[in-house]
């Protein structure tokens, strides 16, 4: 009997160690994902993407996984703003350590940043309410620097757009400053912090923030420079959906998870036409946490659909009401026919929700 049990456990271990590819697409039976697959196939067939992949998990059980076009289980793609969620989680781990506080002002760590920009807090930097410009002005260099310090040095001279906490303005520059604060608090570079706190504990061996393009030696772009694979990002979503625990190991505190998902916009002005209004047809101000969108909320104001969509199409989400998380990995190849990846991918959780509810 002992030999039989050992053999069974070895077999199970081998199965779960296998790459989750085309032959292992749906563990839980009973769902018809044809509507979802047809939607993604249509995007690929129309030439918007050369390939794509999707993974859906319900109650921690894989229910669907599929690859389209030239994508395989080994495909790695730059995920643009889907990396904002990873960046916020990395900084949350440093906060958990006690080396940073969400309410630390920028000037505590970077005294060269003065005035209202120096008064902005870490939580405001990660919720797009810090009053910083969203991106470098036209004609200024983008973040093609050797270090994150150099990136921030080019942000220091920029004038503030508004006072901290007064306006929601989605962008990436403030997140560079947040990353630099984490570097100074830990004495380590950003990629090292991310690998130690998030990537390695979550078995995300294919996920990195550097280099930011095929040219090496550039600074990490916290708001848009990460690259990942389908399974890597699914591991991250597993941790978030299980309140900070992955494979029995705590990665982030439950308090950190709550902070990331809470309304961080607060009293800041939200202009009409922001992402949530466009894709969910509702104008609210409590639309963003820390590195993630609060797409839908319940009657008590708790986020029940959270996401980190990217302009390039990559789209991770967690549907807390249906105990589902999913990740659509894609990078737009051609913008045509009015197709907008940023606004198109959010249809996916709705399709999945409909499929689950029909069963």
Protein backbone atom coordinates (compact mmCIF):
# COMPACT_ATOMS: atom_id res chain seq x y z
CA UNK A 1 0.00 0.00 0.00
CA UNK A 2 2.84 2.40 0.84
CA UNK A 3 4.38 1.86 -2.59
CA UNK A 4 1.05 2.51 -4.29
CA UNK A 5 0.50 5.74 -2.36
CA UNK A 6 4.03 6.92 -3.12
CA UNK A 7 3.55 6.20 -6.78
CA UNK A 8 0.26 8.09 -6.78
CA UNK A 9 1.83 11.12 -5.12
CA UNK A 10 4.70 11.10 -7.59
CA UNK A 11 2.23 10.95 -10.46
CA UNK A 12 0.23 13.86 -9.04
CA UNK A 13 3.41 15.89 -8.53
CA UNK A 14 4.42 15.22 -12.14
CA UNK A 15 1.04 16.33 -13.45
CA UNK A 16 1.10 19.62 -11.57
CA UNK A 17 4.71 20.24 -12.60
CA UNK A 18 3.86 19.91 -16.28
CA UNK A 19 3.50 23.09 -18.32
CA UNK A 20 -0.16 23.93 -18.61
CA UNK A 21 -0.42 23.87 -22.39
CA UNK A 22 -2.87 22.98 -25.09
CA UNK A 23 -3.42 19.45 -23.77
CA UNK A 24 -4.33 20.73 -20.31
CA UNK A 25 -6.95 23.34 -21.01
CA UNK A 26 -9.84 22.59 -18.69
CA UNK A 27 -9.59 20.64 -15.46
CA UNK A 28 -13.10 21.38 -14.26
CA UNK A 29 -15.69 20.18 -16.73
CA UNK A 30 -19.14 21.47 -17.50
CA UNK A 31 -18.52 24.96 -18.86
CA UNK A 32 -18.90 25.97 -22.48
CA UNK A 33 -16.23 28.58 -23.23
CA UNK A 34 -16.94 28.77 -26.94
CA UNK A 35 -18.28 32.35 -26.71
CA UNK A 36 -15.10 33.46 -24.94
CA UNK A 37 -12.83 31.61 -27.35
CA UNK A 38 -14.70 32.96 -30.37
CA UNK A 39 -14.26 36.53 -29.12
CA UNK A 40 -10.51 36.13 -28.72
CA UNK A 41 -10.18 34.22 -32.01
CA UNK A 42 -11.96 37.07 -33.79
CA UNK A 43 -9.46 39.56 -32.40
CA UNK A 44 -6.55 37.42 -33.58
CA UNK A 45 -8.13 36.66 -36.97
CA UNK A 46 -8.72 40.39 -37.49
CA UNK A 47 -5.00 41.03 -37.09
CA UNK A 48 -5.22 43.00 -33.86
CA UNK A 49 -3.02 40.40 -32.14
CA UNK A 50 -0.60 37.88 -33.64
CA UNK A 51 -1.47 35.62 -30.75
CA UNK A 52 -3.06 35.53 -27.34
CA UNK A 53 -3.71 33.24 -24.40
CA UNK A 54 -6.14 33.10 -21.52
CA UNK A 55 -6.42 31.31 -18.21
CA UNK A 56 -9.52 31.18 -15.98
CA UNK A 57 -9.55 29.85 -12.41
CA UNK A 58 -12.61 29.34 -10.21
CA UNK A 59 -12.28 28.54 -6.51
CA UNK A 60 -8.57 27.89 -7.05
CA UNK A 61 -9.34 25.29 -9.72
CA UNK A 62 -8.35 25.72 -13.34
CA UNK A 63 -11.46 25.76 -15.53
CA UNK A 64 -10.09 27.05 -18.83
CA UNK A 65 -6.76 27.66 -20.51
CA UNK A 66 -6.22 28.22 -24.20
CA UNK A 67 -3.70 29.58 -26.69
CA UNK A 68 -4.41 31.41 -29.93
CA UNK A 69 -2.31 32.29 -32.96
CA UNK A 70 1.41 32.05 -32.29
CA UNK A 71 1.15 32.02 -28.47
CA UNK A 72 2.31 28.98 -26.49
CA UNK A 73 2.76 28.24 -22.75
CA UNK A 74 6.31 29.60 -23.08
CA UNK A 75 5.30 32.94 -24.61
CA UNK A 76 6.52 36.02 -22.77
CA UNK A 77 5.05 39.42 -23.58
CA UNK A 78 5.44 42.98 -22.34
CA UNK A 79 2.27 43.60 -20.36
CA UNK A 80 2.28 47.43 -20.18
CA UNK A 81 -0.01 48.72 -17.39
CA UNK A 82 -0.82 45.22 -16.15
CA UNK A 83 2.54 45.62 -14.42
CA UNK A 84 1.16 48.36 -12.17
CA UNK A 85 -0.48 45.68 -10.01
CA UNK A 86 2.84 43.85 -9.67
CA UNK A 87 4.62 47.09 -8.75
CA UNK A 88 2.11 48.00 -6.06
CA UNK A 89 2.34 44.52 -4.57
CA UNK A 90 6.12 44.77 -4.47
CA UNK A 91 5.94 48.03 -2.55
CA UNK A 92 3.26 46.54 -0.29
CA UNK A 93 5.79 43.87 0.69
CA UNK A 94 8.26 46.59 1.69
CA UNK A 95 5.50 48.27 3.72
CA UNK A 96 4.77 44.92 5.37
CA UNK A 97 8.43 44.80 6.41
CA UNK A 98 8.04 48.16 8.13
CA UNK A 99 10.64 49.83 5.92
CA UNK A 100 8.06 52.10 4.28
CA UNK A 101 4.68 53.50 5.25
CA UNK A 102 1.84 54.22 2.85
CA UNK A 103 1.74 57.70 4.37
CA UNK A 104 5.44 58.46 3.98
CA UNK A 105 5.85 61.75 2.08
CA UNK A 106 8.19 61.73 -0.89
CA UNK A 107 10.49 64.28 0.73
CA UNK A 108 11.26 61.85 3.57
CA UNK A 109 13.18 59.68 1.14
CA UNK A 110 13.95 62.07 -1.72
CA UNK A 111 14.47 65.54 -0.19
CA UNK A 112 15.43 66.88 -3.61
CA UNK A 113 11.73 66.71 -4.49
CA UNK A 114 10.28 69.71 -2.72
CA UNK A 115 7.08 71.70 -2.68
CA UNK A 116 3.78 69.94 -3.18
CA UNK A 117 5.47 67.09 -5.06
CA UNK A 118 7.53 66.39 -1.96
CA UNK A 119 4.39 66.43 0.21
CA UNK A 120 2.71 63.69 -1.84
CA UNK A 121 2.51 60.35 -0.04
CA UNK A 122 3.43 56.86 -1.17
CA UNK A 123 -0.25 55.89 -1.39
CA UNK A 124 -0.95 58.94 -3.58
CA UNK A 125 1.92 58.03 -5.89
CA UNK A 126 0.39 54.60 -6.43
CA UNK A 127 -3.19 55.83 -6.79
CA UNK A 128 -2.54 58.55 -9.40
CA UNK A 129 -3.54 61.31 -7.00
CA UNK A 130 -0.08 62.70 -6.19
CA UNK A 131 -0.43 65.76 -8.43
CA UNK A 132 2.46 64.68 -10.67
CA UNK A 133 2.39 64.93 -14.46
CA UNK A 134 1.15 61.69 -15.92
CA UNK A 135 4.01 61.37 -18.42
CA UNK A 136 7.08 63.32 -19.51
CA UNK A 137 6.11 66.37 -21.59
CA UNK A 138 6.43 66.05 -25.33
CA UNK A 139 10.02 66.46 -26.38
CA UNK A 140 11.44 65.27 -23.06
CA UNK A 141 13.28 61.96 -22.87
CA UNK A 142 11.26 58.88 -21.97
CA UNK A 143 12.45 56.44 -19.33
CA UNK A 144 15.42 55.12 -21.31
CA UNK A 145 17.84 55.54 -18.45
CA UNK A 146 20.47 53.36 -16.83
CA UNK A 147 18.90 53.42 -13.37
CA UNK A 148 15.66 54.25 -11.62
CA UNK A 149 17.53 57.04 -9.82
CA UNK A 150 18.31 58.67 -13.16
CA UNK A 151 14.67 58.33 -14.15
CA UNK A 152 13.57 60.14 -11.00
CA UNK A 153 16.25 62.80 -11.48
CA UNK A 154 14.48 63.73 -14.71
CA UNK A 155 11.14 63.95 -12.89
CA UNK A 156 12.42 66.31 -10.16
CA UNK A 157 12.44 69.47 -12.34
CA UNK A 158 8.93 68.95 -13.68
CA UNK A 159 6.31 71.26 -12.17
CA UNK A 160 3.43 69.71 -10.26
CA UNK A 161 0.11 69.56 -12.09
CA UNK A 162 -2.06 69.88 -9.00
CA UNK A 163 -1.86 69.62 -5.22
CA UNK A 164 -1.64 66.07 -3.81
CA UNK A 165 -5.00 64.43 -3.26
CA UNK A 166 -7.00 66.85 -5.38
CA UNK A 167 -7.17 65.13 -8.77
CA UNK A 168 -7.03 61.61 -10.19
CA UNK A 169 -4.71 61.55 -13.19
CA UNK A 170 -3.76 58.14 -14.56
CA UNK A 171 -0.11 57.89 -15.57
CA UNK A 172 3.31 56.47 -14.85
CA UNK A 173 5.76 59.08 -13.59
CA UNK A 174 4.61 59.08 -9.96
CA UNK A 175 5.13 55.32 -9.80
CA UNK A 176 8.80 55.81 -10.72
CA UNK A 177 9.17 57.93 -7.61
CA UNK A 178 7.44 55.27 -5.50
CA UNK A 179 9.88 52.68 -6.81
CA UNK A 180 12.83 54.88 -5.96
CA UNK A 181 11.49 55.27 -2.41
CA UNK A 182 11.46 51.47 -2.12
CA UNK A 183 15.03 51.30 -3.40
CA UNK A 184 16.20 53.81 -0.80
CA UNK A 185 14.27 52.10 1.99
CA UNK A 186 15.74 48.67 1.22
CA UNK A 187 19.14 49.55 -0.20
CA UNK A 188 18.39 47.36 -3.24
CA UNK A 189 17.55 48.05 -6.87
CA UNK A 190 13.96 47.66 -8.05
CA UNK A 191 14.37 44.41 -9.97
CA UNK A 192 16.04 42.78 -6.97
CA UNK A 193 13.21 43.89 -4.69
CA UNK A 194 10.59 42.55 -7.10
CA UNK A 195 12.36 39.23 -7.52
CA UNK A 196 12.86 38.74 -3.78
CA UNK A 197 9.42 39.85 -2.62
CA UNK A 198 7.10 38.73 -5.41
CA UNK A 199 8.56 36.88 -8.39
CA UNK A 200 10.57 34.12 -6.74
CA UNK A 201 8.08 33.36 -3.93
CA UNK A 202 5.34 33.06 -6.59
CA UNK A 203 7.40 30.95 -9.02
CA UNK A 204 7.25 33.76 -11.58
CA UNK A 205 10.57 32.84 -13.21
CA UNK A 206 9.70 34.49 -16.54
CA UNK A 207 8.56 37.84 -15.13
CA UNK A 208 10.86 40.87 -14.97
CA UNK A 209 10.77 44.66 -14.98
CA UNK A 210 14.16 44.98 -16.67
CA UNK A 211 15.14 45.56 -19.35
CA UNK A 212 12.21 47.71 -20.44
CA UNK A 213 12.74 46.82 -24.09
CA UNK A 214 14.92 44.57 -26.21
CA UNK A 215 17.75 47.03 -25.55
CA UNK A 216 19.44 46.27 -22.25
CA UNK A 217 20.53 48.62 -19.49
CA UNK A 218 17.40 50.70 -19.14
CA UNK A 219 15.60 51.66 -15.97
CA UNK A 220 12.48 49.76 -14.94
CA UNK A 221 9.15 51.36 -15.78
CA UNK A 222 6.91 50.46 -12.87
CA UNK A 223 3.82 51.67 -14.68
CA UNK A 224 4.37 49.88 -17.96
CA UNK A 225 7.65 48.01 -18.43
CA UNK A 226 7.08 44.54 -17.00
CA UNK A 227 6.98 41.37 -19.07
CA UNK A 228 5.40 38.10 -18.01
CA UNK A 229 3.89 34.78 -19.08
CA UNK A 230 0.38 33.43 -18.71
CA UNK A 231 1.11 31.07 -15.81
CA UNK A 232 3.41 33.51 -14.03
CA UNK A 233 0.75 36.18 -13.79
CA UNK A 234 -1.87 33.59 -12.86
CA UNK A 235 0.30 32.70 -9.85
CA UNK A 236 0.24 36.35 -8.81
CA UNK A 237 -3.55 36.49 -9.10
CA UNK A 238 -3.79 33.30 -7.05
CA UNK A 239 -1.91 35.02 -4.24
CA UNK A 240 -4.03 38.17 -4.37
CA UNK A 241 -7.30 36.23 -4.50
CA UNK A 242 -6.22 34.17 -1.47
CA UNK A 243 -5.58 37.26 0.67
CA UNK A 244 -1.81 37.19 0.26
CA UNK A 245 -1.15 33.45 0.56
CA UNK A 246 0.35 31.28 -2.19
CA UNK A 247 0.86 27.52 -1.82
CA UNK A 248 0.49 27.80 1.93
CA UNK A 249 3.06 30.59 2.25
CA UNK A 250 2.14 34.14 3.16
CA UNK A 251 3.54 36.62 0.63
CA UNK A 252 1.59 39.75 1.58
CA UNK A 253 -0.37 40.49 4.73
CA UNK A 254 -4.15 40.48 4.57
CA UNK A 255 -3.94 44.12 5.65
CA UNK A 256 -1.82 44.93 2.58
CA UNK A 257 -4.34 43.24 0.29
CA UNK A 258 -7.18 45.26 1.83
CA UNK A 259 -5.19 48.49 1.45
CA UNK A 260 -4.47 47.81 -2.21
CA UNK A 261 -8.14 47.11 -2.94
CA UNK A 262 -9.56 50.01 -0.90
CA UNK A 263 -10.67 53.31 -2.41
CA UNK A 264 -7.53 55.44 -2.53
CA UNK A 265 -8.94 58.20 -4.72
CA UNK A 266 -11.00 59.53 -1.81
CA UNK A 267 -11.89 63.20 -2.39
CA UNK A 268 -9.76 63.70 -5.50
CA UNK A 269 -11.64 64.91 -8.56
CA UNK A 270 -12.29 62.27 -11.21
CA UNK A 271 -12.97 63.65 -14.67
CA UNK A 272 -15.77 62.14 -16.75
CA UNK A 273 -14.75 59.47 -19.21
CA UNK A 274 -12.23 57.60 -17.08
CA UNK A 275 -11.72 53.87 -17.68
CA UNK A 276 -14.37 52.57 -15.28
CA UNK A 277 -17.05 54.84 -16.69
CA UNK A 278 -16.24 53.79 -20.24
CA UNK A 279 -16.26 50.03 -19.66
CA UNK A 280 -18.80 49.70 -16.82
CA UNK A 281 -21.12 52.59 -17.73
CA UNK A 282 -21.05 54.13 -14.28
CA UNK A 283 -19.53 57.39 -13.09
CA UNK A 284 -17.98 56.92 -9.65
CA UNK A 285 -15.04 58.50 -7.91
CA UNK A 286 -13.92 55.43 -5.91
CA UNK A 287 -12.40 53.83 -8.99
CA UNK A 288 -8.81 53.09 -7.99
CA UNK A 289 -6.89 51.43 -5.20
CA UNK A 290 -3.11 50.95 -5.20
CA UNK A 291 -1.97 49.80 -8.63
CA UNK A 292 -5.38 48.42 -9.53
CA UNK A 293 -8.77 49.57 -10.81
CA UNK A 294 -11.91 49.03 -8.75
CA UNK A 295 -14.16 48.28 -11.71
CA UNK A 296 -17.19 47.21 -9.68
CA UNK A 297 -18.17 47.62 -6.04
CA UNK A 298 -20.86 46.11 -3.83
CA UNK A 299 -23.50 47.98 -1.81
CA UNK A 300 -21.00 48.52 1.01
CA UNK A 301 -18.41 50.07 -1.30
CA UNK A 302 -16.11 47.05 -1.33
CA UNK A 303 -14.37 46.29 -4.61
CA UNK A 304 -15.72 43.10 -6.17
CA UNK A 305 -14.16 43.33 -9.63
CA UNK A 306 -10.56 44.49 -9.66
CA UNK A 307 -8.16 44.67 -12.56
CA UNK A 308 -5.05 46.18 -14.09
CA UNK A 309 -5.78 46.66 -17.81
CA UNK A 310 -3.12 47.66 -20.30
CA UNK A 311 -3.23 49.72 -23.48
CA UNK A 312 -1.66 46.73 -25.29
CA UNK A 313 -4.45 44.30 -24.39
CA UNK A 314 -3.02 42.31 -21.46
CA UNK A 315 -5.75 42.16 -18.84
CA UNK A 316 -5.69 40.53 -15.37
CA UNK A 317 -8.80 40.53 -13.20
CA UNK A 318 -10.35 39.10 -10.07
CA UNK A 319 -14.12 38.67 -9.82
CA UNK A 320 -14.61 38.28 -6.08
CA UNK A 321 -18.35 37.64 -6.27
CA UNK A 322 -17.84 34.61 -8.50
CA UNK A 323 -14.56 33.49 -6.90
CA UNK A 324 -12.87 33.73 -10.27
CA UNK A 325 -9.63 35.19 -11.49
CA UNK A 326 -8.33 35.34 -15.02
CA UNK A 327 -5.54 36.66 -17.17
CA UNK A 328 -5.60 37.51 -20.86
CA UNK A 329 -2.07 37.73 -22.24
CA UNK A 330 -1.75 39.63 -25.51
CA UNK A 331 0.12 42.54 -27.01
CA UNK A 332 -1.55 44.52 -29.76
CA UNK A 333 0.02 44.15 -33.19
CA UNK A 334 -2.08 46.57 -35.20
CA UNK A 335 -4.46 49.36 -34.28
CA UNK A 336 -7.14 49.48 -36.97
CA UNK A 337 -10.90 49.62 -37.47
CA UNK A 338 -11.22 51.62 -34.26
CA UNK A 339 -10.11 48.67 -32.12
CA UNK A 340 -9.00 49.76 -28.65
CA UNK A 341 -7.34 46.98 -26.59
CA UNK A 342 -7.59 48.97 -23.35
CA UNK A 343 -11.36 49.22 -23.66
CA UNK A 344 -11.98 45.86 -25.37
CA UNK A 345 -10.36 43.41 -22.96
CA UNK A 346 -12.74 44.26 -20.06
CA UNK A 347 -15.50 42.35 -21.87
CA UNK A 348 -13.74 39.12 -20.86
CA UNK A 349 -14.85 38.94 -17.18
CA UNK A 350 -18.41 39.62 -18.31
CA UNK A 351 -18.27 36.73 -20.79
CA UNK A 352 -16.79 34.45 -18.13
CA UNK A 353 -19.42 35.51 -15.60
CA UNK A 354 -22.20 34.73 -18.08
CA UNK A 355 -20.72 31.32 -18.81
CA UNK A 356 -20.49 30.44 -15.12
CA UNK A 357 -23.98 31.65 -14.33
CA UNK A 358 -25.51 29.68 -17.22
CA UNK A 359 -24.27 26.36 -15.90
